Structures are given as C-alpha cells and as structure tokens.
N, C-alpha and C. Protein backbone atom coordinates (compact mmCIF):
# COMPACT_ATOMS: atom_id res chain seq x y z
N MET A 1 148.57 67.06 110.80
CA MET A 1 147.35 67.68 111.29
C MET A 1 146.62 68.35 110.13
N ALA A 2 145.34 68.20 110.08
CA ALA A 2 144.54 68.78 109.00
C ALA A 2 144.24 70.24 109.31
N LYS A 3 144.19 71.03 108.28
CA LYS A 3 143.88 72.45 108.41
C LYS A 3 142.48 72.67 107.85
N LYS A 4 141.69 73.50 108.50
CA LYS A 4 140.35 73.74 108.01
C LYS A 4 140.08 75.23 107.86
N VAL A 5 139.35 75.55 106.82
CA VAL A 5 138.93 76.93 106.57
C VAL A 5 137.47 76.88 106.17
N VAL A 6 136.64 77.69 106.80
CA VAL A 6 135.22 77.72 106.48
C VAL A 6 134.83 79.16 106.16
N ALA A 7 134.27 79.36 104.98
CA ALA A 7 133.78 80.68 104.58
C ALA A 7 132.30 80.56 104.28
N THR A 8 131.50 81.49 104.74
CA THR A 8 130.06 81.44 104.53
C THR A 8 129.70 82.00 103.16
N LEU A 9 128.86 81.31 102.44
CA LEU A 9 128.37 81.74 101.14
C LEU A 9 126.86 81.92 101.25
N LYS A 10 126.33 83.00 100.72
CA LYS A 10 124.90 83.27 100.82
C LYS A 10 124.22 83.13 99.47
N LYS A 11 122.97 82.75 99.51
CA LYS A 11 122.17 82.57 98.31
C LYS A 11 120.82 83.26 98.53
N LYS A 12 120.15 83.69 97.46
CA LYS A 12 118.91 84.44 97.58
C LYS A 12 117.79 83.68 98.29
N ASP A 13 117.68 82.37 98.05
CA ASP A 13 116.55 81.62 98.60
C ASP A 13 116.68 81.32 100.10
N GLY A 14 117.74 81.77 100.76
CA GLY A 14 117.85 81.63 102.20
C GLY A 14 118.67 80.44 102.66
N VAL A 15 119.04 79.54 101.78
CA VAL A 15 119.85 78.41 102.18
C VAL A 15 121.29 78.88 102.29
N LYS A 16 121.92 78.61 103.41
CA LYS A 16 123.29 79.07 103.63
C LYS A 16 124.25 77.93 103.31
N PHE A 17 125.30 78.27 102.60
CA PHE A 17 126.32 77.31 102.23
C PHE A 17 127.64 77.70 102.85
N ALA A 18 128.55 76.74 102.99
CA ALA A 18 129.89 77.00 103.49
C ALA A 18 130.88 76.28 102.59
N LYS A 19 132.00 76.94 102.32
CA LYS A 19 133.06 76.33 101.53
C LYS A 19 134.07 75.74 102.52
N VAL A 20 134.28 74.44 102.45
CA VAL A 20 135.17 73.73 103.36
C VAL A 20 136.42 73.32 102.60
N ILE A 21 137.57 73.72 103.11
CA ILE A 21 138.85 73.34 102.51
C ILE A 21 139.57 72.46 103.52
N LYS A 22 139.86 71.23 103.13
CA LYS A 22 140.43 70.25 104.04
C LYS A 22 141.75 69.74 103.50
N ALA A 23 142.77 69.68 104.34
CA ALA A 23 144.06 69.13 103.95
C ALA A 23 144.02 67.62 104.13
N VAL A 24 144.39 66.88 103.08
CA VAL A 24 144.35 65.43 103.11
C VAL A 24 145.75 64.91 102.83
N LYS A 25 146.24 64.00 103.67
CA LYS A 25 147.57 63.44 103.50
C LYS A 25 147.54 62.32 102.46
N THR A 26 148.44 62.38 101.48
CA THR A 26 148.51 61.37 100.43
C THR A 26 149.38 60.20 100.88
N LYS A 27 149.46 59.18 100.05
CA LYS A 27 150.27 58.00 100.37
C LYS A 27 151.75 58.32 100.50
N THR A 28 152.22 59.33 99.75
CA THR A 28 153.64 59.69 99.78
C THR A 28 153.98 60.57 100.97
N GLY A 29 152.99 61.03 101.72
CA GLY A 29 153.23 61.86 102.89
C GLY A 29 153.00 63.34 102.64
N ALA A 30 152.77 63.72 101.40
CA ALA A 30 152.51 65.12 101.07
C ALA A 30 151.04 65.43 101.36
N TYR A 31 150.74 66.71 101.49
CA TYR A 31 149.36 67.13 101.72
C TYR A 31 148.77 67.72 100.46
N SER A 32 147.51 67.40 100.20
CA SER A 32 146.77 68.03 99.11
C SER A 32 145.49 68.60 99.73
N PHE A 33 144.90 69.57 99.08
CA PHE A 33 143.73 70.24 99.62
C PHE A 33 142.49 69.85 98.83
N ARG A 34 141.42 69.52 99.56
CA ARG A 34 140.15 69.14 98.96
C ARG A 34 139.11 70.19 99.33
N GLU A 35 138.42 70.74 98.34
CA GLU A 35 137.42 71.77 98.57
C GLU A 35 136.03 71.21 98.32
N GLU A 36 135.10 71.60 99.17
CA GLU A 36 133.70 71.21 99.01
C GLU A 36 132.81 72.38 99.39
N ILE A 37 131.70 72.53 98.73
CA ILE A 37 130.68 73.51 99.12
C ILE A 37 129.49 72.71 99.62
N VAL A 38 129.18 72.87 100.90
CA VAL A 38 128.11 72.11 101.55
C VAL A 38 127.20 73.07 102.30
N THR A 39 126.02 72.58 102.68
CA THR A 39 125.12 73.39 103.49
C THR A 39 125.71 73.50 104.91
N GLU A 40 125.34 74.56 105.61
CA GLU A 40 125.92 74.82 106.93
C GLU A 40 125.67 73.70 107.93
N ASP A 41 124.55 73.00 107.80
CA ASP A 41 124.26 71.93 108.76
C ASP A 41 125.13 70.70 108.56
N ARG A 42 125.83 70.57 107.42
CA ARG A 42 126.70 69.42 107.15
C ARG A 42 128.17 69.69 107.37
N VAL A 43 128.55 70.90 107.80
CA VAL A 43 129.96 71.27 107.92
C VAL A 43 130.70 70.36 108.91
N LYS A 44 130.15 70.18 110.10
CA LYS A 44 130.80 69.34 111.10
C LYS A 44 130.92 67.89 110.62
N GLU A 45 129.92 67.42 109.94
CA GLU A 45 129.92 66.04 109.40
C GLU A 45 131.05 65.86 108.39
N VAL A 46 131.23 66.83 107.50
CA VAL A 46 132.26 66.74 106.47
C VAL A 46 133.65 66.83 107.09
N LEU A 47 133.84 67.71 108.07
CA LEU A 47 135.14 67.88 108.69
C LEU A 47 135.52 66.68 109.58
N SER A 48 134.55 66.01 110.14
CA SER A 48 134.86 64.87 111.01
C SER A 48 135.15 63.60 110.22
N SER A 49 134.69 63.53 108.96
CA SER A 49 134.95 62.33 108.15
C SER A 49 136.38 62.33 107.65
N LYS A 50 136.90 61.14 107.39
CA LYS A 50 138.29 61.03 106.92
C LYS A 50 138.37 60.66 105.50
C-alpha cells in the first residue's frame, strides 16, 4: 500500500504548492520514496498515477 504525505507550501505571488511524497514499490519488493512539488490543483492527479 502506498503512503502519502501532503504539506502546503506558500509563495508570495499567490500560487499554492504542495509537496507530495509517494511510496513506490521496486522490482525487488522494497519501497522507495519519490518526492514532487506540484501545484495544489495537480495533487490528486499525481497521487492517482502509478
């Protein structure tokens, strides 16, 4: 099961960003974590993709 963490990041110009940390299963069965900083409107899109 993937674990998700979303933290809100603010910027002066008003665009809101979120830091998305996603657990990704490797070929060997271990989990590694992938971090991305995306705009708030893309958070669900990034989390739903595999």
